[in-house]
N, C-alpha and C. Protein backbone atom coordinates (compact mmCIF):
# COMPACT_ATOMS: atom_id res chain seq x y z
N MET A 1 24.78 93.96 106.84
CA MET A 1 25.46 95.38 106.87
C MET A 1 26.77 95.60 106.54
N LYS A 2 26.29 96.82 105.57
CA LYS A 2 27.46 96.86 104.48
C LYS A 2 27.99 98.71 105.53
N ALA A 3 29.63 98.74 105.13
CA ALA A 3 29.86 99.99 105.72
C ALA A 3 31.04 100.67 105.13
N ARG A 4 31.07 102.03 104.78
CA ARG A 4 32.10 102.40 103.97
C ARG A 4 32.52 104.13 104.97
N LEU A 5 33.84 104.28 104.74
CA LEU A 5 34.00 105.95 104.66
C LEU A 5 34.37 106.37 103.98
N ILE A 6 33.24 106.94 103.26
CA ILE A 6 33.83 108.17 102.21
C ILE A 6 34.45 109.57 102.40
N PHE A 7 35.38 109.91 101.87
CA PHE A 7 36.34 111.01 101.84
C PHE A 7 34.90 112.32 101.78
N ALA A 8 35.37 112.91 103.04
CA ALA A 8 34.25 113.97 102.92
C ALA A 8 34.61 114.72 101.21
N ASP A 9 35.69 115.22 100.73
CA ASP A 9 35.56 115.92 99.51
C ASP A 9 35.37 114.65 98.29
N ASN A 10 35.15 113.83 98.32
CA ASN A 10 35.00 112.47 97.54
C ASN A 10 36.55 112.93 96.54
N SER A 11 37.43 113.04 97.17
CA SER A 11 38.65 113.14 96.16
C SER A 11 39.08 111.63 96.09
N SER A 12 38.94 110.42 96.74
CA SER A 12 39.52 109.48 96.85
C SER A 12 37.90 108.24 96.75
N PRO A 13 38.92 106.97 96.22
CA PRO A 13 37.59 106.06 96.67
C PRO A 13 37.17 105.70 97.91
N PRO A 14 35.43 105.41 98.13
CA PRO A 14 35.52 104.96 99.28
C PRO A 14 36.33 103.92 99.96
N ILE A 15 36.14 103.79 101.68
CA ILE A 15 37.01 102.67 102.01
C ILE A 15 35.97 101.86 102.85
N GLU A 16 35.92 100.67 102.46
CA GLU A 16 35.06 99.60 102.89
C GLU A 16 35.42 99.14 104.19
N ILE A 17 34.79 98.83 105.30
CA ILE A 17 34.85 98.12 106.75
C ILE A 17 34.31 96.88 106.53
N GLY A 18 35.24 96.07 106.16
CA GLY A 18 34.62 94.63 105.59
C GLY A 18 34.75 93.74 107.39
N ASP A 19 35.69 94.14 108.28
CA ASP A 19 35.77 93.28 109.45
C ASP A 19 34.96 93.82 110.68
N ASP A 20 34.47 92.75 111.42
CA ASP A 20 34.12 93.42 112.65
C ASP A 20 34.92 94.14 113.12
N VAL A 21 36.46 94.23 113.84
CA VAL A 21 36.71 95.30 114.13
C VAL A 21 38.22 95.31 113.09
N THR A 22 38.30 96.71 113.07
CA THR A 22 39.12 97.35 111.76
C THR A 22 39.82 98.55 112.72
N VAL A 23 41.44 98.19 112.69
CA VAL A 23 42.60 99.22 112.95
C VAL A 23 42.83 100.08 112.16
N VAL A 24 42.54 101.53 112.76
CA VAL A 24 42.91 102.57 111.85
C VAL A 24 44.59 103.48 112.46
N GLY A 25 45.16 103.69 111.70
CA GLY A 25 46.24 103.88 112.29
C GLY A 25 47.50 104.55 110.99
N ARG A 26 48.38 104.79 110.95
CA ARG A 26 49.39 105.51 110.09
C ARG A 26 50.30 104.14 109.97
N ARG A 27 50.50 103.46 111.34
CA ARG A 27 51.14 102.17 110.87
C ARG A 27 50.73 101.18 109.43
N GLU A 28 51.75 100.68 108.99
CA GLU A 28 51.57 100.08 107.73
C GLU A 28 50.69 98.87 108.08
N ASP A 29 51.13 98.13 109.22
CA ASP A 29 50.02 96.71 109.37
C ASP A 29 48.61 96.99 110.19
N CYS A 30 48.65 98.65 109.91
CA CYS A 30 46.80 98.59 110.69
C CYS A 30 46.19 98.38 109.63
N ASP A 31 44.78 97.92 109.71
CA ASP A 31 43.69 97.20 108.84
C ASP A 31 43.46 98.59 107.74
N ILE A 32 43.47 100.13 108.39
CA ILE A 32 43.27 100.98 107.33
C ILE A 32 44.34 101.81 107.21
N CYS A 33 45.95 102.30 106.74
CA CYS A 33 46.58 102.55 106.55
C CYS A 33 46.48 104.12 106.28
N LEU A 34 46.37 105.17 106.99
CA LEU A 34 46.31 106.73 106.30
C LEU A 34 47.78 107.59 106.42
N ASP A 35 47.96 107.32 105.81
CA ASP A 35 49.58 108.27 105.17
C ASP A 35 50.28 109.45 105.77
N HIS A 36 49.38 109.90 107.10
CA HIS A 36 49.41 111.80 107.11
C HIS A 36 49.90 111.46 108.45
N LYS A 37 50.40 113.06 108.82
CA LYS A 37 51.00 113.23 109.64
C LYS A 37 50.47 113.77 110.91
N SER A 38 49.03 113.53 110.66
CA SER A 38 47.99 114.28 111.86
C SER A 38 47.53 112.61 112.38
N ILE A 39 47.93 111.64 111.95
CA ILE A 39 46.89 110.53 112.47
C ILE A 39 48.26 109.79 113.15
N SER A 40 47.71 109.23 114.38
CA SER A 40 48.82 108.51 114.95
C SER A 40 48.79 107.07 114.98
N LYS A 41 50.20 106.31 115.08
CA LYS A 41 50.55 105.41 114.75
C LYS A 41 49.34 104.42 115.02
N LEU A 42 48.70 103.90 115.78
CA LEU A 42 47.12 103.56 116.15
C LEU A 42 46.45 104.48 116.71
N HIS A 43 45.41 104.93 115.62
CA HIS A 43 44.69 105.90 116.01
C HIS A 43 43.60 105.64 116.54
N CYS A 44 42.88 104.66 116.19
CA CYS A 44 41.40 104.53 116.24
C CYS A 44 40.91 102.90 115.78
N VAL A 45 39.81 102.43 116.66
CA VAL A 45 39.25 101.46 116.44
C VAL A 45 37.64 101.43 115.65
N ILE A 46 37.60 100.97 114.60
CA ILE A 46 36.04 101.06 113.78
C ILE A 46 35.29 99.61 114.30
N ALA A 47 34.44 99.57 115.33
CA ALA A 47 33.61 97.70 115.22
C ALA A 47 32.29 98.25 114.66
N ARG A 48 32.40 96.88 114.35
CA ARG A 48 30.65 96.47 113.59
C ARG A 48 30.01 94.77 114.93
N ALA A 49 29.45 95.63 115.31
CA ALA A 49 28.27 94.51 115.62
C ALA A 49 26.80 94.99 116.06
N HIS A 50 25.92 93.62 115.78
CA HIS A 50 24.62 93.56 115.75
C HIS A 50 23.55 94.75 114.51
N GLY A 51 24.68 94.71 113.96
CA GLY A 51 24.05 95.94 112.57
C GLY A 51 24.26 97.49 113.00
N THR A 52 25.66 97.83 113.96
CA THR A 52 25.75 99.18 114.15
C THR A 52 27.16 99.35 114.02
N LEU A 53 27.76 100.41 114.23
CA LEU A 53 28.89 100.85 113.90
C LEU A 53 29.04 101.79 114.50
N HIS A 54 30.48 101.29 115.71
CA HIS A 54 31.19 102.32 116.91
C HIS A 54 32.83 102.52 116.50
N VAL A 55 33.21 103.49 116.96
CA VAL A 55 34.46 104.28 116.78
C VAL A 55 34.92 104.54 118.31
N ARG A 56 36.05 103.84 118.58
CA ARG A 56 37.13 104.10 119.54
C ARG A 56 38.34 104.64 119.46
N ASP A 57 38.78 106.03 119.83
CA ASP A 57 40.11 106.59 120.23
C ASP A 57 41.00 105.53 121.01
N LEU A 58 42.04 105.73 120.38
CA LEU A 58 42.98 104.96 121.20
C LEU A 58 43.96 105.65 121.52
N GLY A 59 43.67 106.43 122.44
CA GLY A 59 44.34 107.93 122.91
C GLY A 59 45.54 108.53 122.16
N SER A 60 44.99 108.53 121.03
CA SER A 60 45.61 109.20 119.50
C SER A 60 45.77 110.73 119.80
N THR A 61 46.97 111.43 119.42
CA THR A 61 47.27 112.87 119.52
C THR A 61 46.18 113.75 119.26
N ASN A 62 45.76 113.68 118.17
CA ASN A 62 45.04 114.76 117.08
C ASN A 62 43.73 114.19 117.60
N GLY A 63 43.41 113.38 118.29
CA GLY A 63 41.50 112.59 118.55
C GLY A 63 41.08 112.87 117.06
N THR A 64 39.71 111.83 117.39
CA THR A 64 38.74 111.44 117.10
C THR A 64 37.67 111.80 116.91
N ARG A 65 36.54 112.54 115.96
CA ARG A 65 35.81 113.28 116.35
C ARG A 65 34.41 112.83 115.67
N VAL A 66 33.39 112.70 115.81
CA VAL A 66 31.92 112.45 115.52
C VAL A 66 31.16 113.93 115.60
N ASN A 67 30.46 114.26 114.36
CA ASN A 67 29.86 115.19 113.82
C ASN A 67 30.42 116.46 114.80
N GLY A 68 31.99 116.64 114.67
CA GLY A 68 32.41 117.61 115.51
C GLY A 68 32.74 117.98 116.69
N GLN A 69 32.54 116.83 117.83
CA GLN A 69 32.82 116.45 118.70
C GLN A 69 33.39 115.31 119.10
N ARG A 70 34.97 115.75 119.78
CA ARG A 70 36.25 115.00 120.38
C ARG A 70 35.36 114.12 121.02
N VAL A 71 35.38 112.77 120.51
CA VAL A 71 35.06 111.44 121.23
C VAL A 71 35.81 110.26 121.93
N ARG A 72 35.74 109.64 123.05
CA ARG A 72 36.65 108.39 122.96
C ARG A 72 36.01 107.20 122.56
N ARG A 73 34.88 107.29 122.90
CA ARG A 73 34.48 106.28 122.05
C ARG A 73 32.66 106.49 121.72
N ALA A 74 32.41 106.35 120.38
CA ALA A 74 30.79 106.44 119.72
C ALA A 74 30.16 105.91 118.91
N ALA A 75 28.71 105.70 119.17
CA ALA A 75 28.14 104.77 118.11
C ALA A 75 28.18 105.86 116.60
N LEU A 76 28.27 105.23 115.62
CA LEU A 76 28.02 106.03 114.40
C LEU A 76 26.96 105.55 113.51
N ALA A 77 26.37 106.83 113.25
CA ALA A 77 25.03 106.55 112.39
C ALA A 77 25.54 106.86 111.19
N PRO A 78 24.29 106.58 110.22
CA PRO A 78 24.51 106.86 108.88
C PRO A 78 24.59 108.87 108.35
N ASP A 79 25.50 109.44 107.51
CA ASP A 79 25.66 110.09 107.11
C ASP A 79 26.31 110.81 108.41
N ASP A 80 26.95 110.98 109.35
CA ASP A 80 27.61 111.13 110.61
C ASP A 80 28.95 111.33 109.52
N GLN A 81 29.46 112.87 110.41
CA GLN A 81 30.86 113.38 109.69
C GLN A 81 32.24 112.82 111.35
N LEU A 82 32.97 111.87 110.69
CA LEU A 82 33.93 111.31 111.18
C LEU A 82 35.12 111.67 110.84
N ASP A 83 35.96 112.46 111.50
CA ASP A 83 37.33 113.12 111.58
C ASP A 83 38.45 112.09 112.34
N ILE A 84 39.39 111.57 111.48
CA ILE A 84 40.16 110.71 111.74
C ILE A 84 41.60 112.12 112.13
N ALA A 85 41.40 112.54 113.42
CA ALA A 85 42.72 113.45 113.46
C ALA A 85 42.04 114.88 112.43
N SER A 86 42.99 115.42 111.20
CA SER A 86 42.27 115.98 110.34
C SER A 86 41.83 115.59 109.01
N VAL A 87 41.27 113.87 108.61
CA VAL A 87 41.33 113.59 107.70
C VAL A 87 39.52 113.13 107.91
N LEU A 88 39.05 113.74 107.10
CA LEU A 88 37.22 113.71 107.00
C LEU A 88 36.57 113.04 106.53
N PHE A 89 35.86 112.48 106.69
CA PHE A 89 35.02 110.80 106.52
C PHE A 89 33.47 111.79 106.56
N ARG A 90 32.39 110.95 105.76
CA ARG A 90 31.35 110.62 106.00
C ARG A 90 30.74 109.01 105.73
N VAL A 91 30.13 108.63 106.99
CA VAL A 91 29.86 107.61 107.29
C VAL A 91 28.76 106.74 106.56
N TRP A 92 28.72 105.85 106.21
CA TRP A 92 27.66 105.32 104.90
C TRP A 92 27.43 103.53 105.78
N LEU A 93 26.24 103.32 105.82
CA LEU A 93 25.72 101.93 106.22
C LEU A 93 24.56 101.84 105.18
N GLY A 94 24.50 100.60 104.79
CA GLY A 94 23.52 100.41 103.80
C GLY A 94 23.58 98.51 104.09
N PRO A 95 22.72 98.20 103.47
CA PRO A 95 22.18 97.02 103.26
C PRO A 95 23.45 95.89 102.51
N ASP A 96 23.56 94.62 102.79
CA ASP A 96 24.44 93.97 102.49
C ASP A 96 24.35 93.64 100.86
N ASP A 97 23.00 93.15 100.41
CA ASP A 97 22.93 92.98 98.98
C ASP A 97 23.07 94.48 97.76
N VAL A 98 24.01 95.27 98.22
CA VAL A 98 23.72 96.69 97.46
C VAL A 98 25.09 96.00 96.41
N VAL A 99 25.22 96.36 95.28
CA VAL A 99 26.28 96.14 94.03
C VAL A 99 27.40 97.05 94.43
N GLU A 100 28.48 96.47 94.45
CA GLU A 100 29.55 97.45 94.64
C GLU A 100 30.32 97.85 93.57
N PRO A 101 30.81 99.18 93.45
CA PRO A 101 31.21 99.61 92.61
C PRO A 101 32.79 99.45 92.69
N GLU A 102 33.63 99.30 91.29
CA GLU A 102 34.60 98.65 91.44
C GLU A 102 35.60 99.60 91.84
N ASN A 103 35.48 100.85 92.34
CA ASN A 103 36.37 101.64 92.51
C ASN A 103 36.31 101.66 94.29
N ILE A 104 36.03 100.59 95.34
CA ILE A 104 36.06 100.77 96.63
C ILE A 104 36.96 100.79 96.69
N LYS A 105 37.75 101.17 97.94
CA LYS A 105 39.33 101.04 98.35
C LYS A 105 39.16 99.73 99.60
N ARG A 106 40.13 98.62 99.12
CA ARG A 106 39.89 97.82 100.40
C ARG A 106 40.39 97.98 101.51
N HIS A 107 40.15 97.58 102.73
CA HIS A 107 40.39 98.32 104.01
C HIS A 107 41.98 98.29 103.82
N SER A 108 42.73 97.20 103.62
CA SER A 108 44.05 96.71 103.70
C SER A 108 44.73 97.68 103.19
N GLU A 109 44.81 98.09 102.06
CA GLU A 109 45.38 98.99 100.92
C GLU A 109 45.68 100.62 101.59
N SER A 110 46.88 100.73 102.06
CA SER A 110 47.51 102.40 102.16
C SER A 110 46.97 103.15 101.07
N LEU A 111 46.33 104.16 101.50
CA LEU A 111 45.92 105.37 100.62
C LEU A 111 47.11 106.41 100.51
N SER A 112 46.94 107.22 99.47
CA SER A 112 48.33 108.06 99.29
C SER A 112 48.57 109.25 100.29
N MET A 113 49.81 109.68 100.17
CA MET A 113 49.68 111.27 101.12
C MET A 113 48.76 112.45 99.99
N SER A 114 48.38 112.26 98.57
CA SER A 114 48.19 113.35 98.10
C SER A 114 46.70 113.30 98.29
N ALA A 115 46.42 111.81 98.29
CA ALA A 115 44.71 111.39 98.54
C ALA A 115 44.16 111.93 100.23
N ILE A 116 45.34 111.71 100.63
CA ILE A 116 44.56 112.38 102.67
C ILE A 116 45.11 113.51 102.77
N ASP A 117 45.84 114.24 102.18
CA ASP A 117 45.91 115.78 102.13
C ASP A 117 44.62 116.33 101.52
N ALA A 118 44.42 115.83 100.07
CA ALA A 118 42.91 116.51 99.87
C ALA A 118 41.77 115.89 100.46
N ALA A 119 42.09 114.83 101.85
CA ALA A 119 40.76 115.01 102.48
C ALA A 119 40.81 115.50 103.48
N CYS A 120 41.94 116.39 103.75
CA CYS A 120 42.23 116.94 105.06
C CYS A 120 41.30 118.45 104.89
N SER A 121 41.21 119.00 103.99
CA SER A 121 40.62 120.49 103.42
C SER A 121 38.92 120.25 103.86
N HIS A 122 38.91 121.46 104.08
CA HIS A 122 36.85 121.18 104.35
C HIS A 122 36.28 121.52 103.50
N ASN A 123 35.16 121.16 102.65
CA ASN A 123 34.97 121.17 101.54
C ASN A 123 33.34 121.35 102.25
N GLU A 124 32.77 122.81 102.00
CA GLU A 124 31.66 122.88 102.85
C GLU A 124 30.54 122.87 101.97
N ASP A 125 30.63 122.29 100.43
CA ASP A 125 29.79 122.01 99.39
C ASP A 125 29.81 120.63 99.20
N ASP A 126 28.63 120.09 100.43
CA ASP A 126 28.51 118.86 100.60
C ASP A 126 27.09 118.04 99.74
N SER A 127 27.19 118.81 98.53
CA SER A 127 25.73 118.55 97.72
C SER A 127 25.45 117.51 97.47
N ASP A 128 26.33 116.43 97.37
CA ASP A 128 26.25 115.03 96.75
C ASP A 128 25.55 113.94 97.71
N HIS A 129 24.26 113.93 97.48
CA HIS A 129 23.83 112.93 98.30
C HIS A 129 23.51 111.66 97.30
N SER A 130 23.87 111.60 96.37
CA SER A 130 23.44 110.26 95.43
C SER A 130 23.87 109.31 96.30
N ILE A 131 24.41 109.00 97.26
CA ILE A 131 24.96 107.83 97.86
C ILE A 131 23.73 107.25 98.72
N PRO A 132 22.98 106.05 98.63
CA PRO A 132 21.67 106.13 99.49
C PRO A 132 21.80 105.66 100.81
N VAL A 133 21.27 105.99 101.67
CA VAL A 133 21.26 105.60 103.02
C VAL A 133 20.57 104.74 103.40
N GLY A 134 21.75 104.17 104.57
CA GLY A 134 21.02 102.18 105.09
C GLY A 134 19.96 102.82 106.01
N PRO A 135 19.17 101.91 106.25
CA PRO A 135 18.05 101.90 107.53
C PRO A 135 18.84 102.44 109.17
N PRO A 136 17.48 102.98 109.49
CA PRO A 136 18.33 104.08 110.68
C PRO A 136 19.02 103.24 111.78
N VAL A 137 20.39 103.46 112.37
CA VAL A 137 20.62 102.94 113.61
C VAL A 137 20.46 103.88 114.72
N GLN A 138 19.86 103.32 115.78
CA GLN A 138 20.01 103.80 116.90
C GLN A 138 21.47 104.49 117.76
N THR A 139 21.31 105.63 118.06
CA THR A 139 22.76 106.10 118.43
C THR A 139 22.69 105.82 119.59
N ASN A 140 23.81 106.24 120.37
CA ASN A 140 23.96 106.19 121.42
C ASN A 140 23.87 107.51 122.59
N ASP A 141 22.81 107.42 123.21
CA ASP A 141 22.15 108.93 124.10
C ASP A 141 23.13 109.42 125.21
N LEU A 142 24.12 108.94 125.49
CA LEU A 142 24.81 109.41 126.32
C LEU A 142 26.32 108.89 125.93
N PRO A 143 27.08 109.78 124.99
CA PRO A 143 27.85 109.42 124.17
C PRO A 143 29.36 109.63 124.70
N ASP A 144 30.19 109.34 124.81
CA ASP A 144 31.26 109.29 125.86
C ASP A 144 32.54 110.42 125.57
N VAL A 145 32.03 111.85 125.63
CA VAL A 145 32.88 112.75 124.97
C VAL A 145 34.18 113.16 126.31
N TYR A 146 34.79 113.55 125.79
CA TYR A 146 36.11 114.56 126.27
C TYR A 146 35.44 115.94 126.53
N PRO A 147 35.03 116.24 128.19
CA PRO A 147 34.79 117.68 128.55
C PRO A 147 35.39 118.40 128.26
N ASP A 148 35.00 119.70 128.18
CA ASP A 148 35.37 120.98 127.57
C ASP A 148 36.09 121.75 128.48
N PRO A 149 37.92 122.11 128.28
CA PRO A 149 38.71 122.21 129.03
C PRO A 149 38.51 123.79 130.11
N PRO A 150 39.05 123.75 131.09
CA PRO A 150 38.57 124.90 131.95
C PRO A 150 38.82 126.15 131.58
N LYS A 151 38.29 127.05 131.60
CA LYS A 151 38.55 128.43 131.17
C LYS A 151 39.65 129.23 132.10
N ALA A 152 40.92 129.44 131.64
CA ALA A 152 41.94 130.46 132.17
C ALA A 152 41.29 131.42 133.16
N LYS A 153 41.70 131.75 134.40
CA LYS A 153 41.31 133.05 134.58
C LYS A 153 42.42 134.22 134.54
N ARG A 154 41.98 135.05 134.43
CA ARG A 154 43.10 135.86 134.10
C ARG A 154 43.10 136.91 135.45
N ALA A 155 44.31 137.20 136.04
CA ALA A 155 44.85 137.87 137.01
C ALA A 155 44.68 139.40 137.01
């Protein structure tokens, strides 16, 4: 299974998730180094197992979200939106035999601040569906989500 993170605004080449365990963060020694102030030094881990992709937040300050819901851990399905702090990605999963474009970023390359800043802006026009979607992935029926904070009572 090939897995890629595609910047939501298509401002930079996709990032291939090639290892079974990929550490994402701001530190240079992370597998995916996202040099942006909203990203924690060790932000999250993306794991590939048995044809599925999972994300686990590492106690980051600004959190990890899947389809808008802040999560501690969750399974990722094709076309899910993955927000790593304020950097927005779309998840792509597909078969191993897909021919790779030359512009795929390898996961150990650090991405520039301008590319990350461009990805942080929400692009509501997500009409580019030219990338094929891989086979369906069974999602976690009971995602491990953060509960909503209690509402403050006014006296």
